[in-house]
N, C-alpha and C. Protein backbone atom coordinates (compact mmCIF):
# COMPACT_ATOMS: atom_id res chain seq x y z
N UNK A 1 0.33 -1.09 0.26
CA UNK A 1 0.47 0.14 -0.06
C UNK A 1 0.87 1.54 -0.21
N UNK A 2 0.46 2.12 -0.91
CA UNK A 2 1.81 3.64 -1.32
C UNK A 2 0.96 4.23 0.10
N UNK A 3 2.11 5.05 0.31
CA UNK A 3 1.88 6.27 1.55
C UNK A 3 0.84 6.74 1.43
N UNK A 4 0.72 7.43 0.18
CA UNK A 4 -0.84 7.95 -0.38
C UNK A 4 -2.44 7.29 0.11
N UNK A 5 -2.04 5.95 0.28
CA UNK A 5 -3.27 4.96 0.08
C UNK A 5 -3.48 4.57 1.78
N UNK A 6 -2.79 4.98 2.57
CA UNK A 6 -3.00 4.83 4.03
C UNK A 6 -3.44 6.33 4.38
N UNK A 7 -2.50 6.79 3.73
CA UNK A 7 -3.40 8.33 4.66
C UNK A 7 -4.14 8.29 4.29
N UNK A 8 -5.12 8.15 3.08
CA UNK A 8 -5.95 8.26 2.53
C UNK A 8 -7.15 7.65 3.85
N UNK A 9 -6.56 5.74 3.86
CA UNK A 9 -7.57 5.05 4.99
C UNK A 9 -7.55 6.19 6.58
N UNK A 10 -6.98 6.90 6.37
CA UNK A 10 -6.24 6.79 7.92
C UNK A 10 -7.66 8.21 8.04
N UNK A 11 -7.68 9.41 7.33
CA UNK A 11 -8.06 10.45 7.33
C UNK A 11 -9.73 9.06 7.03
N UNK A 12 -10.57 8.63 6.44
CA UNK A 12 -11.73 8.01 5.91
C UNK A 12 -12.35 7.65 7.51
N UNK A 13 -11.20 6.31 7.57
CA UNK A 13 -11.31 6.13 9.24
C UNK A 13 -11.83 7.32 10.21
N UNK A 14 -10.67 8.01 10.84
CA UNK A 14 -10.62 9.19 11.73
C UNK A 14 -11.80 10.15 11.37
N UNK A 15 -12.74 10.35 10.52
CA UNK A 15 -13.69 11.28 9.73
C UNK A 15 -14.32 11.00 10.56
N UNK A 16 -14.98 9.03 9.38
CA UNK A 16 -15.94 8.80 10.28
C UNK A 16 -16.01 8.61 12.22
N UNK A 17 -15.18 8.28 12.60
CA UNK A 17 -15.19 7.78 14.15
C UNK A 17 -15.02 8.76 14.87
N UNK A 18 -14.61 10.16 14.45
CA UNK A 18 -14.75 10.84 14.94
C UNK A 18 -15.83 11.94 15.06
N UNK A 19 -16.68 11.19 14.33
CA UNK A 19 -17.83 11.68 14.71
C UNK A 19 -19.73 10.28 14.62
N UNK A 20 -18.72 9.45 15.13
CA UNK A 20 -19.53 8.42 15.26
C UNK A 20 -20.40 7.54 14.01
N UNK A 21 -20.06 7.83 13.45
CA UNK A 21 -20.97 7.32 12.04
C UNK A 21 -20.85 6.22 11.72
N UNK A 22 -20.38 5.21 11.97
CA UNK A 22 -19.54 3.99 11.44
C UNK A 22 -21.29 2.93 11.82
N UNK A 23 -22.02 3.66 12.51
CA UNK A 23 -23.28 2.84 12.31
C UNK A 23 -24.33 2.62 10.70
N UNK A 24 -23.50 4.23 10.42
CA UNK A 24 -24.58 4.78 9.93
C UNK A 24 -23.38 4.11 7.89
N UNK A 25 -22.68 3.39 8.11
CA UNK A 25 -21.94 2.73 7.05
C UNK A 25 -21.38 1.45 6.31
N UNK A 26 -22.94 0.88 6.54
CA UNK A 26 -22.95 -0.28 5.64
C UNK A 26 -23.40 -0.46 4.08
N UNK A 27 -22.53 -1.10 4.17
CA UNK A 27 -22.66 -1.15 2.22
C UNK A 27 -24.34 -0.67 1.73
N UNK A 28 -25.55 -1.01 1.93
CA UNK A 28 -26.30 -0.55 1.39
C UNK A 28 -26.67 1.02 1.81
N UNK A 29 -26.31 1.73 2.86
CA UNK A 29 -26.51 2.97 2.73
C UNK A 29 -25.11 4.14 2.23
N UNK A 30 -23.87 3.27 2.35
CA UNK A 30 -23.18 4.01 1.25
C UNK A 30 -23.45 3.29 0.15
N UNK A 31 -24.18 2.36 -0.63
CA UNK A 31 -24.35 2.79 -2.04
C UNK A 31 -25.04 3.39 -2.62
N UNK A 32 -26.72 3.99 -1.52
CA UNK A 32 -27.13 5.22 -1.79
C UNK A 32 -26.49 5.95 -1.83
N UNK A 33 -25.36 6.78 -0.90
CA UNK A 33 -24.65 7.77 -1.04
C UNK A 33 -24.27 8.03 -2.10
N UNK A 34 -23.02 6.69 -2.18
CA UNK A 34 -22.22 6.67 -3.91
C UNK A 34 -23.27 7.68 -4.55
N UNK A 35 -24.51 7.36 -5.48
CA UNK A 35 -25.20 6.85 -5.43
C UNK A 35 -25.66 9.11 -6.35
N UNK A 36 -25.49 8.93 -5.38
CA UNK A 36 -26.62 10.90 -4.79
C UNK A 36 -25.22 11.40 -5.42
N UNK A 37 -23.47 11.06 -5.09
CA UNK A 37 -22.92 11.54 -5.20
C UNK A 37 -22.30 11.80 -6.60
N UNK A 38 -22.80 10.64 -7.27
CA UNK A 38 -22.46 10.43 -8.54
C UNK A 38 -23.42 11.20 -9.75
N UNK A 39 -24.32 11.91 -8.68
CA UNK A 39 -25.51 12.20 -9.51
C UNK A 39 -24.96 13.02 -9.40
N UNK A 40 -24.50 14.24 -8.56
CA UNK A 40 -24.02 15.13 -8.90
C UNK A 40 -22.72 15.39 -9.22
N UNK A 41 -22.40 14.64 -10.38
CA UNK A 41 -21.02 14.31 -10.92
C UNK A 41 -22.16 14.84 -12.27
N UNK A 42 -22.28 14.33 -12.72
CA UNK A 42 -23.56 13.94 -13.54
C UNK A 42 -23.98 16.04 -14.13
N UNK A 43 -24.74 16.69 -12.89
CA UNK A 43 -25.20 17.51 -12.54
C UNK A 43 -24.51 18.33 -12.73
N UNK A 44 -23.55 18.71 -12.92
CA UNK A 44 -22.21 19.31 -13.13
C UNK A 44 -22.12 19.86 -14.60
N UNK A 45 -22.82 18.36 -15.30
CA UNK A 45 -22.54 18.72 -16.92
C UNK A 45 -23.82 18.81 -17.99
N UNK A 46 -25.31 18.73 -16.51
CA UNK A 46 -26.39 18.27 -17.64
C UNK A 46 -26.78 19.76 -18.52
N UNK A 47 -26.45 20.69 -18.65
CA UNK A 47 -26.74 21.93 -19.42
C UNK A 47 -25.82 22.33 -20.10
N UNK A 48 -24.27 21.38 -19.82
CA UNK A 48 -23.87 22.22 -20.59
C UNK A 48 -23.79 21.33 -22.14
N UNK A 49 -22.97 22.03 -23.22
CA UNK A 49 -22.51 21.38 -24.67
C UNK A 49 -21.43 20.62 -24.47
N UNK A 50 -21.68 19.85 -25.77
CA UNK A 50 -20.38 18.74 -25.47
C UNK A 50 -18.96 19.43 -25.61
N UNK A 51 -19.29 21.18 -25.73
CA UNK A 51 -17.74 21.85 -26.25
C UNK A 51 -17.44 22.10 -24.52
N UNK A 52 -18.49 22.37 -24.41
CA UNK A 52 -18.81 23.53 -22.82
C UNK A 52 -17.93 22.24 -21.98
N UNK A 53 -18.70 21.09 -21.93
CA UNK A 53 -17.74 20.17 -20.63
C UNK A 53 -16.51 19.35 -20.91
N UNK A 54 -16.08 19.68 -22.45
CA UNK A 54 -14.77 19.42 -22.57
C UNK A 54 -13.80 20.31 -22.13
N UNK A 55 -14.15 21.40 -21.41
CA UNK A 55 -13.32 23.11 -20.64
C UNK A 55 -14.18 23.17 -19.91
N UNK A 56 -13.88 23.20 -18.95
CA UNK A 56 -14.45 23.45 -17.50
C UNK A 56 -14.01 24.02 -16.81
N UNK A 57 -14.64 25.51 -16.47
CA UNK A 57 -13.98 26.98 -15.86
C UNK A 57 -13.27 26.20 -14.00
N UNK A 58 -11.76 26.85 -13.90
CA UNK A 58 -11.65 26.64 -13.12
C UNK A 58 -11.96 26.18 -11.44
N UNK A 59 -13.55 26.78 -11.72
CA UNK A 59 -14.77 27.00 -10.44
C UNK A 59 -15.59 25.97 -11.23
N UNK A 60 -15.76 24.89 -11.88
CA UNK A 60 -16.32 23.98 -12.61
C UNK A 60 -15.28 22.42 -12.42
N UNK A 61 -13.88 22.79 -12.51
CA UNK A 61 -13.09 21.65 -11.77
C UNK A 61 -13.01 21.67 -11.15
N UNK A 62 -12.81 22.28 -10.00
CA UNK A 62 -13.39 22.49 -8.44
C UNK A 62 -14.26 21.78 -8.13
N UNK A 63 -15.64 22.26 -8.34
CA UNK A 63 -16.52 21.42 -8.25
C UNK A 63 -16.40 19.86 -8.64
N UNK A 64 -15.71 19.33 -9.55
CA UNK A 64 -16.21 19.27 -10.67
C UNK A 64 -15.41 17.78 -9.13
N UNK A 65 -13.98 17.81 -8.32
CA UNK A 65 -12.99 17.11 -8.28
C UNK A 65 -13.46 16.97 -6.40
N UNK A 66 -14.28 17.96 -6.49
CA UNK A 66 -15.15 17.60 -4.93
C UNK A 66 -16.44 16.22 -5.07
N UNK A 67 -17.12 16.08 -6.24
CA UNK A 67 -17.86 15.81 -6.25
C UNK A 67 -16.95 13.73 -6.85
N UNK A 68 -16.39 14.08 -7.71
CA UNK A 68 -15.39 13.06 -7.60
C UNK A 68 -14.71 12.62 -6.31
N UNK A 69 -14.03 13.06 -5.68
CA UNK A 69 -13.58 12.48 -4.26
C UNK A 69 -15.15 12.14 -3.50
N UNK A 70 -16.05 13.00 -3.34
CA UNK A 70 -16.91 12.06 -2.15
C UNK A 70 -17.12 11.21 -3.29
N UNK A 71 -17.39 10.81 -4.51
CA UNK A 71 -18.30 9.40 -5.06
C UNK A 71 -16.93 8.68 -4.46
N UNK A 72 -16.03 8.84 -5.02
CA UNK A 72 -14.31 7.63 -4.73
C UNK A 72 -14.38 7.24 -3.01
N UNK A 73 -14.82 8.07 -2.30
CA UNK A 73 -15.06 7.83 -0.80
C UNK A 73 -15.60 6.89 -0.44
N UNK A 74 -16.95 6.99 -1.08
CA UNK A 74 -17.65 6.31 -0.84
C UNK A 74 -17.52 4.91 -1.60
N UNK A 75 -17.48 4.33 -2.62
CA UNK A 75 -16.84 3.44 -3.46
C UNK A 75 -15.70 3.04 -2.53
N UNK A 76 -14.60 3.58 -1.98
CA UNK A 76 -13.68 2.76 -1.22
C UNK A 76 -14.32 1.97 -0.33
N UNK A 77 -15.38 2.66 0.98
CA UNK A 77 -15.66 2.12 1.85
C UNK A 77 -16.43 1.17 1.38
N UNK A 78 -17.39 1.00 0.60
CA UNK A 78 -18.27 0.07 0.28
C UNK A 78 -17.03 -1.29 -0.64
N UNK A 79 -16.19 -0.90 -0.94
CA UNK A 79 -15.57 -1.93 -1.17
C UNK A 79 -14.08 -2.54 0.16
N UNK A 80 -13.72 -1.43 1.32
CA UNK A 80 -13.35 -2.40 2.51
C UNK A 80 -14.38 -2.82 2.97
N UNK A 81 -15.46 -2.22 3.04
CA UNK A 81 -16.27 -3.31 3.87
C UNK A 81 -16.23 -4.88 3.74
N UNK A 82 -16.43 -4.97 2.37
CA UNK A 82 -16.07 -6.53 1.61
C UNK A 82 -14.29 -6.98 1.22
N UNK A 83 -13.51 -6.33 1.83
CA UNK A 83 -12.26 -6.60 1.35
C UNK A 83 -11.86 -6.52 -0.51
N UNK A 84 -12.59 -5.35 -1.27
CA UNK A 84 -12.12 -5.55 -2.36
C UNK A 84 -10.76 -4.25 -2.72
N UNK A 85 -10.16 -4.34 -3.02
CA UNK A 85 -8.64 -3.31 -3.07
C UNK A 85 -9.14 -3.07 -4.51
N UNK A 86 -10.06 -1.56 -4.98
CA UNK A 86 -10.27 -0.60 -6.03
C UNK A 86 -9.68 -1.00 -7.08
N UNK A 87 -7.91 -0.50 -6.95
CA UNK A 87 -7.56 -0.71 -7.97
C UNK A 87 -7.01 -1.98 -8.72
N UNK A 88 -6.93 -2.73 -6.97
CA UNK A 88 -6.95 -4.19 -7.89
C UNK A 88 -7.72 -4.41 -9.22
N UNK A 89 -9.45 -4.14 -8.29
CA UNK A 89 -10.58 -4.47 -8.82
C UNK A 89 -10.37 -4.39 -10.27
N UNK A 90 -10.46 -3.15 -10.76
CA UNK A 90 -10.32 -1.84 -11.78
C UNK A 90 -9.24 -2.72 -12.64
N UNK A 91 -7.89 -3.09 -12.84
CA UNK A 91 -6.72 -4.36 -13.21
C UNK A 91 -7.67 -5.49 -13.22
N UNK A 92 -7.89 -5.74 -12.72
CA UNK A 92 -8.37 -6.82 -13.30
C UNK A 92 -9.52 -6.75 -13.99
N UNK A 93 -10.34 -5.86 -13.65
CA UNK A 93 -11.69 -5.74 -14.53
C UNK A 93 -11.10 -5.74 -16.41
N UNK A 94 -10.48 -4.44 -16.53
CA UNK A 94 -9.37 -3.80 -17.80
C UNK A 94 -9.14 -4.73 -18.28
N UNK A 95 -8.69 -6.36 -17.31
CA UNK A 95 -8.20 -7.65 -18.41
C UNK A 95 -9.76 -8.74 -18.66
N UNK A 96 -10.68 -8.02 -18.19
CA UNK A 96 -12.21 -8.29 -18.59
C UNK A 96 -12.36 -8.19 -19.65
N UNK A 97 -12.28 -6.99 -19.95
CA UNK A 97 -12.81 -5.57 -20.32
C UNK A 97 -12.18 -6.44 -21.58
N UNK A 98 -10.29 -6.30 -21.92
CA UNK A 98 -9.62 -6.43 -22.96
C UNK A 98 -10.18 -7.82 -24.10
N UNK A 99 -10.59 -9.10 -23.21
CA UNK A 99 -11.10 -9.78 -24.11
C UNK A 99 -12.50 -9.56 -24.06
N UNK A 100 -13.05 -9.44 -23.83
CA UNK A 100 -14.60 -8.95 -23.65
C UNK A 100 -14.35 -8.07 -25.38
N UNK A 101 -14.02 -7.04 -25.41
CA UNK A 101 -13.65 -5.90 -26.45
C UNK A 101 -11.99 -5.83 -26.80
N UNK A 102 -12.14 -6.58 -27.80
CA UNK A 102 -10.77 -6.91 -28.06
C UNK A 102 -11.15 -5.92 -29.62
N UNK A 103 -9.89 -4.97 -29.06
CA UNK A 103 -9.63 -4.13 -30.00
C UNK A 103 -9.98 -4.10 -31.73
N UNK A 104 -9.79 -4.87 -32.26
CA UNK A 104 -9.73 -5.33 -33.55
C UNK A 104 -10.94 -4.98 -33.92
N UNK A 105 -12.08 -5.60 -32.84
CA UNK A 105 -13.61 -6.03 -33.80
C UNK A 105 -14.07 -4.43 -32.82
N UNK A 106 -13.62 -3.82 -31.89
CA UNK A 106 -13.77 -2.70 -31.45
C UNK A 106 -13.56 -1.42 -31.97
N UNK A 107 -12.77 -1.77 -32.57
CA UNK A 107 -12.11 -0.50 -33.34
C UNK A 107 -13.66 1.18 -33.67
N UNK A 108 -13.75 2.18 -32.49
CA UNK A 108 -13.85 3.38 -33.86
C UNK A 108 -15.83 2.84 -33.17
N UNK A 109 -16.33 1.69 -32.71
CA UNK A 109 -17.45 1.84 -32.32
C UNK A 109 -17.81 1.87 -30.90
N UNK A 110 -19.15 1.76 -31.23
CA UNK A 110 -19.80 2.15 -29.28
C UNK A 110 -20.68 1.43 -29.26
N UNK A 111 -20.70 0.55 -29.86
CA UNK A 111 -21.63 -1.32 -29.58
C UNK A 111 -21.70 -1.69 -28.51
N UNK A 112 -22.53 -2.28 -27.69
CA UNK A 112 -21.64 -3.33 -26.77
C UNK A 112 -22.38 -4.84 -27.96
N UNK A 113 -21.32 -5.51 -27.67
CA UNK A 113 -21.18 -6.90 -28.45
C UNK A 113 -21.37 -7.60 -28.09
N UNK A 114 -21.69 -8.31 -26.82
CA UNK A 114 -21.53 -9.33 -25.88
C UNK A 114 -24.16 -9.41 -25.95
């Protein structure tokens, strides 16, 4: 585990512990909170044109960073509850995706082929 991962683990655990929020952090509640935060990410882009969405203002980027962080923290807490390391899971999923969607058959295509 990297120092930054350990730092995040400690900060997230300390934050919840100091507020006695552990009883609210079961997988069901964490998943619902994560979806709410992901919706706040969507809200940032909701009424932007595709061009605007590619070039956020500094304020919009800061807001996006906050909402992505909130979403990530909830995802991480769900993963931690079940002993799932998100980086390991994402790397394993990328291997599955490469097999499921071979580049030669999917280059330039957006349709799902399974």
